[in-house]
Amino acid sequence: MKKTRRKKPILVTNDDGVQAPGLKVLAECLSAIGDVYIVAPDREQSAVGHSLTLRHPLRIAEVGPRMIAVEGTPTDCVLLAFYRILPEKPAAVFSGINFGHNLGDDITYSGTVSAALEATLLGIPAVAVSIGRTGEKVYYDVAAEFALKLGRKVLRTGLPKDTLLNVNLPNVPAGKIQGVAVTRQGRRSYDDVIVEKVDPRGRAYFWIGNGEPRWAEASGTDIHAIRAGKISVTPIHLDLTNHSAIEELKGWKIEK
């Protein structure tokens, strides 16, 4: 009698919260290649970066079959899944599908990318997936199908050491995507990110996040690919060292 090969666990998480539509579409699609476990924040955790919850206990709740809501950050979710929730080490971690791109410098703030970063630190192949906000309809299905294709490849071959994939898709039907580009991280800046207001008691308060981003025009970047209607796949490395600067800094002869 031929034995049926057991599927390996795949962890799916995000920073938009456990009820986010992109998370559910991604999980359903990836179930074709593994036993999917959802471990995600119980509420939106956008722009929390790679933060850990250290000053209060983490509580969890089962909200569906193999679906856990965590009162914490995306990084918390990956750690809890790895050490306590999943029956064994996951074969891969997918984070997303984020509602809104994670391009250029924005990846340093992204909870979506940080979840994949934490998985990479744990030695698990990881992919972060995001889609644009433009248009009335969000084509999560297109992003999920591409994630599935990528997932098959990742499970077969793995990823380069200490490297995660940051994937961004234009929000268009599959037939309008102009290809796939392997890219590098772009650069962006904002004219003014702070909004100042006055509350009814006359006290000033501030909102962070104002202003339109200005992207550097450079070929080969993630933003360049998105503007060309392509899917951007950016390999992100854990080593943040500027190796080319080491010898220059040695020449400074810094005194004790």
Protein backbone atom coordinates (compact mmCIF):
# COMPACT_ATOMS: atom_id res chain seq x y z
CA MET A 1 0.00 0.00 0.00
CA LYS A 2 1.43 3.35 -1.04
CA LYS A 3 1.98 5.74 1.85
CA THR A 4 0.71 9.30 1.58
CA ARG A 5 3.48 11.80 2.26
CA ARG A 6 2.57 14.01 5.19
CA LYS A 7 2.64 17.72 4.44
CA LYS A 8 5.03 19.88 6.45
CA PRO A 9 3.67 22.80 8.48
CA ILE A 10 3.67 26.24 6.89
CA LEU A 11 3.26 29.25 9.13
CA VAL A 12 1.25 32.20 7.83
CA THR A 13 1.24 35.49 9.71
CA ASN A 14 0.87 39.23 9.02
CA ASP A 15 0.70 42.68 10.60
CA ASP A 16 -2.83 43.59 9.44
CA GLY A 17 -4.43 41.32 12.03
CA VAL A 18 -5.82 37.79 12.15
CA GLN A 19 -9.09 38.78 10.44
CA ALA A 20 -7.43 40.54 7.48
CA PRO A 21 -8.70 39.30 4.10
CA GLY A 22 -5.22 39.00 2.60
CA LEU A 23 -4.15 36.61 5.34
CA LYS A 24 -7.04 34.24 4.72
CA VAL A 25 -6.58 34.20 0.94
CA LEU A 26 -2.87 33.48 1.34
CA ALA A 27 -3.47 30.69 3.83
CA GLU A 28 -6.09 29.00 1.63
CA CYS A 29 -3.79 29.08 -1.38
CA LEU A 30 -0.73 27.76 0.46
CA SER A 31 -2.72 24.81 1.81
CA ALA A 32 -1.94 23.14 -1.52
CA ILE A 33 1.69 22.67 -0.44
CA GLY A 34 1.55 22.29 3.33
CA ASP A 35 -0.46 22.11 6.53
CA VAL A 36 -1.09 25.80 7.09
CA TYR A 37 -1.12 27.26 10.58
CA ILE A 38 -2.19 30.87 11.04
CA VAL A 39 -0.61 32.65 13.99
CA ALA A 40 -1.24 36.38 13.66
CA PRO A 41 -1.84 39.50 15.77
CA ASP A 42 -5.32 39.91 17.21
CA ARG A 43 -5.40 43.49 15.84
CA GLU A 44 -3.60 45.63 13.29
CA GLN A 45 0.11 45.99 14.03
CA SER A 46 1.27 47.98 10.99
CA ALA A 47 4.59 49.82 11.27
CA VAL A 48 5.61 48.12 14.52
CA GLY A 49 8.82 46.95 12.86
CA HIS A 50 10.77 44.15 14.53
CA SER A 51 9.45 44.87 18.01
CA LEU A 52 8.99 42.29 20.76
CA THR A 53 6.52 42.44 23.64
CA LEU A 54 8.57 42.36 26.83
CA ARG A 55 6.56 44.36 29.39
CA HIS A 56 3.34 42.35 29.59
CA PRO A 57 2.35 38.71 29.06
CA LEU A 58 1.23 37.44 25.67
CA ARG A 59 -2.24 35.92 25.52
CA ILE A 60 -3.50 33.77 22.68
CA ALA A 61 -6.93 32.64 21.50
CA GLU A 62 -7.93 29.95 19.03
CA VAL A 63 -10.27 31.66 16.56
CA GLY A 64 -10.55 28.83 14.04
CA PRO A 65 -9.00 25.50 13.04
CA ARG A 66 -5.20 25.93 13.24
CA MET A 67 -5.82 29.69 13.55
CA ILE A 68 -4.42 31.51 16.58
CA ALA A 69 -4.79 35.19 17.48
CA VAL A 70 -1.94 36.65 19.53
CA GLU A 71 -2.12 39.74 21.70
CA GLY A 72 1.24 40.89 20.36
CA THR A 73 3.39 41.87 17.39
CA PRO A 74 4.20 39.90 14.23
CA THR A 75 7.59 39.03 15.71
CA ASP A 76 5.87 37.71 18.84
CA CYS A 77 3.66 35.56 16.62
CA VAL A 78 6.59 33.91 14.86
CA LEU A 79 8.39 33.18 18.12
CA LEU A 80 5.27 31.72 19.79
CA ALA A 81 4.47 29.61 16.74
CA PHE A 82 8.03 28.28 16.54
CA TYR A 83 8.53 27.46 20.22
CA ARG A 84 5.03 26.67 21.49
CA ILE A 85 2.19 26.41 18.98
CA LEU A 86 3.28 24.45 15.89
CA PRO A 87 3.76 20.68 16.23
CA GLU A 88 7.18 20.94 14.57
CA LYS A 89 9.47 23.45 12.89
CA PRO A 90 7.69 24.97 9.88
CA ALA A 91 9.04 24.31 6.42
CA ALA A 92 8.47 27.97 5.52
CA VAL A 93 6.95 31.17 6.84
CA PHE A 94 4.82 33.50 4.71
CA SER A 95 3.86 36.94 5.98
CA GLY A 96 1.02 38.85 4.33
CA ILE A 97 -0.70 39.54 2.13
CA ASN A 98 -0.14 43.09 3.33
CA PHE A 99 -2.59 45.76 2.21
CA GLY A 100 -0.12 48.28 0.85
CA HIS A 101 3.38 47.99 -0.57
CA ASN A 102 6.49 47.49 1.54
CA LEU A 103 9.12 49.10 -0.67
CA GLY A 104 12.47 50.75 -0.18
CA ASP A 105 13.20 52.18 3.26
CA ASP A 106 9.68 51.34 4.43
CA ILE A 107 10.75 47.74 5.06
CA THR A 108 12.54 48.93 8.21
CA TYR A 109 9.16 49.87 9.72
CA SER A 110 7.15 46.98 8.32
CA GLY A 111 5.70 44.37 10.67
CA THR A 112 5.06 42.21 7.61
CA VAL A 113 8.73 42.13 6.63
CA SER A 114 9.85 41.86 10.26
CA ALA A 115 7.87 38.64 10.73
CA ALA A 116 9.80 37.16 7.80
CA LEU A 117 13.00 38.57 9.28
CA GLU A 118 12.37 36.79 12.59
CA ALA A 119 11.72 33.53 10.77
CA THR A 120 15.01 33.94 8.90
CA LEU A 121 16.81 34.46 12.21
CA LEU A 122 15.31 31.13 13.31
CA GLY A 123 16.64 29.43 10.18
CA ILE A 124 13.30 29.13 8.39
CA PRO A 125 12.84 30.14 4.72
CA ALA A 126 10.59 33.19 4.76
CA VAL A 127 8.67 35.35 2.31
CA ALA A 128 6.88 38.66 2.90
CA VAL A 129 4.09 39.47 0.42
CA SER A 130 2.47 42.88 -0.14
CA ILE A 131 0.12 44.37 -2.71
CA GLY A 132 -0.66 47.95 -3.71
CA ARG A 133 -3.63 49.96 -2.46
CA THR A 134 -4.66 51.51 -5.78
CA GLY A 135 -8.05 50.73 -7.33
CA GLU A 136 -11.42 49.72 -5.92
CA LYS A 137 -10.67 45.99 -5.87
CA VAL A 138 -7.68 44.36 -4.19
CA TYR A 139 -6.40 41.36 -6.17
CA TYR A 140 -5.34 39.25 -3.21
CA ASP A 141 -5.94 36.13 -5.30
CA VAL A 142 -3.25 37.17 -7.80
CA ALA A 143 -0.76 37.76 -5.00
CA ALA A 144 -1.64 34.45 -3.34
CA GLU A 145 -1.22 32.48 -6.57
CA PHE A 146 2.22 34.00 -7.08
CA ALA A 147 3.10 33.21 -3.46
CA LEU A 148 2.08 29.61 -4.10
CA LYS A 149 4.38 29.36 -7.15
CA LEU A 150 7.20 30.91 -5.14
CA GLY A 151 6.44 28.63 -2.22
CA ARG A 152 6.82 25.51 -4.35
CA LYS A 153 10.25 26.73 -5.45
CA VAL A 154 11.32 27.69 -1.93
CA LEU A 155 10.31 24.30 -0.51
CA ARG A 156 12.28 22.53 -3.25
CA THR A 157 15.47 24.58 -3.19
CA GLY A 158 15.45 26.67 -0.02
CA LEU A 159 16.79 30.23 0.09
CA PRO A 160 20.31 31.65 0.28
CA LYS A 161 21.71 31.72 3.82
CA ASP A 162 20.35 34.49 6.05
CA THR A 163 18.10 35.79 3.27
CA LEU A 164 14.37 36.45 3.06
CA LEU A 165 12.29 37.47 0.07
CA ASN A 166 10.32 40.71 0.08
CA VAL A 167 7.63 40.43 -2.61
CA ASN A 168 5.51 43.33 -3.85
CA LEU A 169 2.81 43.15 -6.50
CA PRO A 170 0.97 45.84 -8.44
CA ASN A 171 -2.74 45.73 -7.67
CA VAL A 172 -3.90 44.57 -11.11
CA PRO A 173 -5.47 41.43 -12.61
CA ALA A 174 -3.05 38.63 -13.47
CA GLY A 175 -3.29 39.39 -17.18
CA LYS A 176 -2.00 42.92 -16.68
CA ILE A 177 1.17 42.01 -14.78
CA GLN A 178 4.19 42.81 -16.94
CA GLY A 179 6.52 40.16 -15.59
CA VAL A 180 8.65 39.43 -12.54
CA ALA A 181 11.81 41.34 -11.61
CA VAL A 182 14.45 40.40 -9.04
CA THR A 183 15.25 43.77 -7.53
CA ARG A 184 17.23 45.70 -4.95
CA GLN A 185 15.83 47.92 -2.24
CA GLY A 186 14.93 51.43 -3.39
CA ARG A 187 15.13 54.73 -1.52
CA ARG A 188 12.39 57.19 -0.65
CA SER A 189 11.86 60.39 1.30
CA TYR A 190 8.89 62.41 2.51
CA ASP A 191 8.52 66.18 2.34
CA ASP A 192 6.77 66.38 5.71
CA VAL A 193 5.70 63.40 7.80
CA ILE A 194 4.32 65.26 10.81
CA VAL A 195 0.85 66.79 11.18
CA GLU A 196 0.41 69.13 14.14
CA LYS A 197 -3.06 69.81 15.59
CA VAL A 198 -4.54 71.35 18.73
CA ASP A 199 -7.00 69.48 20.92
CA PRO A 200 -10.10 71.09 22.56
CA ARG A 201 -8.03 71.88 25.66
CA GLY A 202 -5.51 73.85 23.66
CA ARG A 203 -2.74 71.26 23.81
CA ALA A 204 -0.72 70.36 20.73
CA TYR A 205 -0.72 66.81 19.41
CA PHE A 206 0.90 65.19 16.41
CA TRP A 207 0.22 62.54 13.79
CA ILE A 208 3.10 60.75 12.07
CA GLY A 209 2.56 59.59 8.50
CA ASN A 210 1.65 62.68 6.52
CA GLY A 211 3.06 63.59 3.13
CA GLU A 212 3.53 61.88 -0.19
CA PRO A 213 6.68 59.79 -0.63
CA ARG A 214 9.26 60.79 -3.23
CA TRP A 215 11.07 57.82 -4.72
CA ALA A 216 14.57 57.93 -6.16
CA GLU A 217 14.47 57.15 -9.87
CA ALA A 218 16.82 54.19 -10.22
CA SER A 219 16.55 51.13 -12.45
CA GLY A 220 16.71 47.74 -10.81
CA THR A 221 14.89 48.81 -7.64
CA ASP A 222 11.68 47.48 -6.16
CA ILE A 223 9.80 50.73 -6.81
CA HIS A 224 11.03 50.82 -10.42
CA ALA A 225 9.59 47.34 -10.97
CA ILE A 226 6.23 48.26 -9.46
CA ARG A 227 6.01 51.39 -11.60
CA ALA A 228 6.66 49.20 -14.64
CA GLY A 229 3.73 46.96 -13.69
CA LYS A 230 5.98 44.07 -12.61
CA ILE A 231 6.15 41.89 -9.52
CA SER A 232 9.18 42.82 -7.43
CA VAL A 233 11.12 40.09 -5.61
CA THR A 234 13.84 41.56 -3.40
CA PRO A 235 16.29 39.34 -1.50
CA ILE A 236 16.88 40.91 1.92
CA HIS A 237 20.00 39.88 3.85
CA LEU A 238 20.29 39.80 7.64
CA ASP A 239 23.85 41.15 7.66
CA LEU A 240 23.51 44.95 7.82
CA THR A 241 27.26 45.50 7.88
CA ASN A 242 28.64 47.93 5.31
CA HIS A 243 31.62 45.73 4.45
CA SER A 244 33.09 48.24 2.01
CA ALA A 245 33.38 50.78 4.86
CA ILE A 246 35.34 48.56 7.24
CA GLU A 247 38.80 49.34 5.87
CA GLU A 248 38.00 53.05 5.64
CA LEU A 249 36.95 53.13 9.29
CA LYS A 250 40.09 51.24 10.32
CA GLY A 251 42.03 54.09 8.77
CA TRP A 252 40.46 56.54 11.19
CA LYS A 253 42.71 55.18 14.00
CA ILE A 254 40.09 55.93 16.62
CA GLU A 255 41.66 56.40 20.05
CA LYS A 256 40.35 54.62 23.15
